[in-house]
Amino acid sequence: MTLLTDIDRYLRRTGMPETKFGRLAVRDPRLVHDLRRGRVPGPSICARVAAMLEQR
């Protein structure tokens, strides 16, 4: 799975808006939008997102 796929599943399951997810995970409300447009996250962003996905 890709990071964006995992995030999308999480968002559908929880009903959380993209901006809130980005804010909570990495303090960047545009994270999901930017990932959809091709942004390549670094290892620290990936780790923080993975922690967020496991947490809830």
N, C-alpha and C. Protein backbone atom coordinates (compact mmCIF):
# COMPACT_ATOMS: atom_id res chain seq x y z
N MET A 1 0.83 -1.19 0.00
CA MET A 1 0.00 0.00 0.00
C MET A 1 0.88 1.26 0.00
N THR A 2 0.33 2.29 -0.54
CA THR A 2 1.04 3.55 -0.50
C THR A 2 0.56 4.37 0.69
N LEU A 3 1.33 5.33 1.04
CA LEU A 3 0.97 6.20 2.16
C LEU A 3 -0.37 6.88 1.91
N LEU A 4 -0.56 7.39 0.72
CA LEU A 4 -1.81 8.08 0.40
C LEU A 4 -3.01 7.14 0.46
N THR A 5 -2.85 5.92 0.01
CA THR A 5 -3.93 4.93 0.09
C THR A 5 -4.30 4.66 1.55
N ASP A 6 -3.30 4.51 2.39
CA ASP A 6 -3.56 4.29 3.81
C ASP A 6 -4.26 5.48 4.45
N ILE A 7 -3.84 6.67 4.08
CA ILE A 7 -4.49 7.88 4.60
C ILE A 7 -5.94 7.94 4.13
N ASP A 8 -6.18 7.67 2.85
CA ASP A 8 -7.55 7.70 2.32
C ASP A 8 -8.45 6.72 3.05
N ARG A 9 -7.97 5.53 3.31
CA ARG A 9 -8.76 4.54 4.05
C ARG A 9 -9.08 5.05 5.45
N TYR A 10 -8.09 5.63 6.09
CA TYR A 10 -8.28 6.17 7.43
C TYR A 10 -9.33 7.28 7.42
N LEU A 11 -9.23 8.16 6.46
CA LEU A 11 -10.18 9.28 6.36
C LEU A 11 -11.60 8.78 6.12
N ARG A 12 -11.76 7.79 5.26
CA ARG A 12 -13.09 7.24 5.02
C ARG A 12 -13.65 6.57 6.27
N ARG A 13 -12.79 5.81 6.95
CA ARG A 13 -13.22 5.07 8.14
C ARG A 13 -13.62 6.01 9.27
N THR A 14 -12.87 7.08 9.45
CA THR A 14 -13.10 7.98 10.59
C THR A 14 -13.99 9.17 10.25
N GLY A 15 -14.09 9.50 8.97
CA GLY A 15 -14.85 10.68 8.58
C GLY A 15 -14.11 11.98 8.86
N MET A 16 -12.83 11.89 9.11
CA MET A 16 -12.01 13.08 9.41
C MET A 16 -11.69 13.84 8.12
N PRO A 17 -11.78 15.16 8.16
CA PRO A 17 -11.39 15.96 6.99
C PRO A 17 -9.87 15.87 6.74
N GLU A 18 -9.50 15.99 5.47
CA GLU A 18 -8.08 15.94 5.09
C GLU A 18 -7.25 16.96 5.85
N THR A 19 -7.77 18.16 5.96
CA THR A 19 -7.00 19.24 6.59
C THR A 19 -6.75 18.95 8.06
N LYS A 20 -7.73 18.39 8.73
CA LYS A 20 -7.55 18.07 10.14
C LYS A 20 -6.51 16.97 10.30
N PHE A 21 -6.56 15.97 9.44
CA PHE A 21 -5.58 14.89 9.49
C PHE A 21 -4.16 15.45 9.35
N GLY A 22 -3.96 16.28 8.33
CA GLY A 22 -2.63 16.86 8.11
C GLY A 22 -2.16 17.70 9.29
N ARG A 23 -3.09 18.46 9.86
CA ARG A 23 -2.76 19.30 11.01
C ARG A 23 -2.34 18.45 12.21
N LEU A 24 -3.12 17.41 12.48
CA LEU A 24 -2.82 16.55 13.63
C LEU A 24 -1.55 15.72 13.42
N ALA A 25 -1.37 15.23 12.21
CA ALA A 25 -0.23 14.33 11.94
C ALA A 25 1.09 15.08 11.85
N VAL A 26 1.12 16.16 11.08
CA VAL A 26 2.40 16.82 10.81
C VAL A 26 2.34 18.34 10.86
N ARG A 27 1.25 18.87 11.40
CA ARG A 27 1.06 20.32 11.49
C ARG A 27 1.05 21.01 10.13
N ASP A 28 0.49 20.29 9.13
CA ASP A 28 0.41 20.84 7.78
C ASP A 28 -0.97 20.50 7.20
N PRO A 29 -1.89 21.44 7.24
CA PRO A 29 -3.24 21.14 6.75
C PRO A 29 -3.31 20.82 5.26
N ARG A 30 -2.28 21.13 4.51
CA ARG A 30 -2.27 20.85 3.06
C ARG A 30 -1.59 19.53 2.72
N LEU A 31 -1.20 18.77 3.71
CA LEU A 31 -0.45 17.53 3.47
C LEU A 31 -1.14 16.61 2.46
N VAL A 32 -2.38 16.23 2.71
CA VAL A 32 -3.07 15.26 1.85
C VAL A 32 -3.26 15.85 0.45
N HIS A 33 -3.65 17.10 0.38
CA HIS A 33 -3.80 17.77 -0.92
C HIS A 33 -2.48 17.73 -1.69
N ASP A 34 -1.40 18.06 -1.03
CA ASP A 34 -0.09 18.07 -1.68
C ASP A 34 0.35 16.66 -2.09
N LEU A 35 0.05 15.66 -1.28
CA LEU A 35 0.39 14.28 -1.65
C LEU A 35 -0.36 13.87 -2.91
N ARG A 36 -1.62 14.27 -3.01
CA ARG A 36 -2.41 13.96 -4.21
C ARG A 36 -1.82 14.63 -5.45
N ARG A 37 -1.16 15.74 -5.27
CA ARG A 37 -0.58 16.47 -6.41
C ARG A 37 0.88 16.08 -6.67
N GLY A 38 1.38 15.04 -5.96
CA GLY A 38 2.71 14.53 -6.28
C GLY A 38 3.80 14.80 -5.25
N ARG A 39 3.46 15.44 -4.16
CA ARG A 39 4.47 15.70 -3.12
C ARG A 39 5.05 14.37 -2.65
N VAL A 40 6.36 14.32 -2.51
CA VAL A 40 7.04 13.12 -2.02
C VAL A 40 7.49 13.40 -0.58
N PRO A 41 6.87 12.71 0.39
CA PRO A 41 7.21 12.98 1.78
C PRO A 41 8.54 12.35 2.16
N GLY A 42 9.23 13.02 3.06
CA GLY A 42 10.48 12.50 3.58
C GLY A 42 10.23 11.44 4.64
N PRO A 43 11.30 10.82 5.12
CA PRO A 43 11.15 9.76 6.11
C PRO A 43 10.50 10.22 7.42
N SER A 44 10.78 11.43 7.85
CA SER A 44 10.19 11.88 9.12
C SER A 44 8.68 12.10 8.98
N ILE A 45 8.25 12.63 7.83
CA ILE A 45 6.82 12.81 7.58
C ILE A 45 6.14 11.44 7.53
N CYS A 46 6.74 10.50 6.82
CA CYS A 46 6.17 9.15 6.72
C CYS A 46 6.03 8.52 8.10
N ALA A 47 7.03 8.69 8.94
CA ALA A 47 6.99 8.12 10.29
C ALA A 47 5.89 8.77 11.12
N ARG A 48 5.73 10.07 11.01
CA ARG A 48 4.70 10.76 11.79
C ARG A 48 3.31 10.39 11.31
N VAL A 49 3.13 10.25 10.00
CA VAL A 49 1.84 9.83 9.46
C VAL A 49 1.53 8.40 9.89
N ALA A 50 2.53 7.51 9.82
CA ALA A 50 2.33 6.12 10.22
C ALA A 50 1.92 6.04 11.69
N ALA A 51 2.54 6.85 12.51
CA ALA A 51 2.19 6.88 13.94
C ALA A 51 0.74 7.33 14.12
N MET A 52 0.33 8.31 13.35
CA MET A 52 -1.05 8.80 13.43
C MET A 52 -2.04 7.72 13.00
N LEU A 53 -1.70 7.00 11.95
CA LEU A 53 -2.58 5.95 11.44
C LEU A 53 -2.72 4.80 12.43
N GLU A 54 -1.67 4.49 13.16
CA GLU A 54 -1.69 3.41 14.14
C GLU A 54 -2.40 3.83 15.42
N GLN A 55 -2.37 5.08 15.73
CA GLN A 55 -2.87 5.62 16.98
C GLN A 55 -4.39 5.56 17.11
N ARG A 56 -5.10 5.72 16.03
CA ARG A 56 -6.56 5.82 16.10
C ARG A 56 -7.25 4.67 15.44
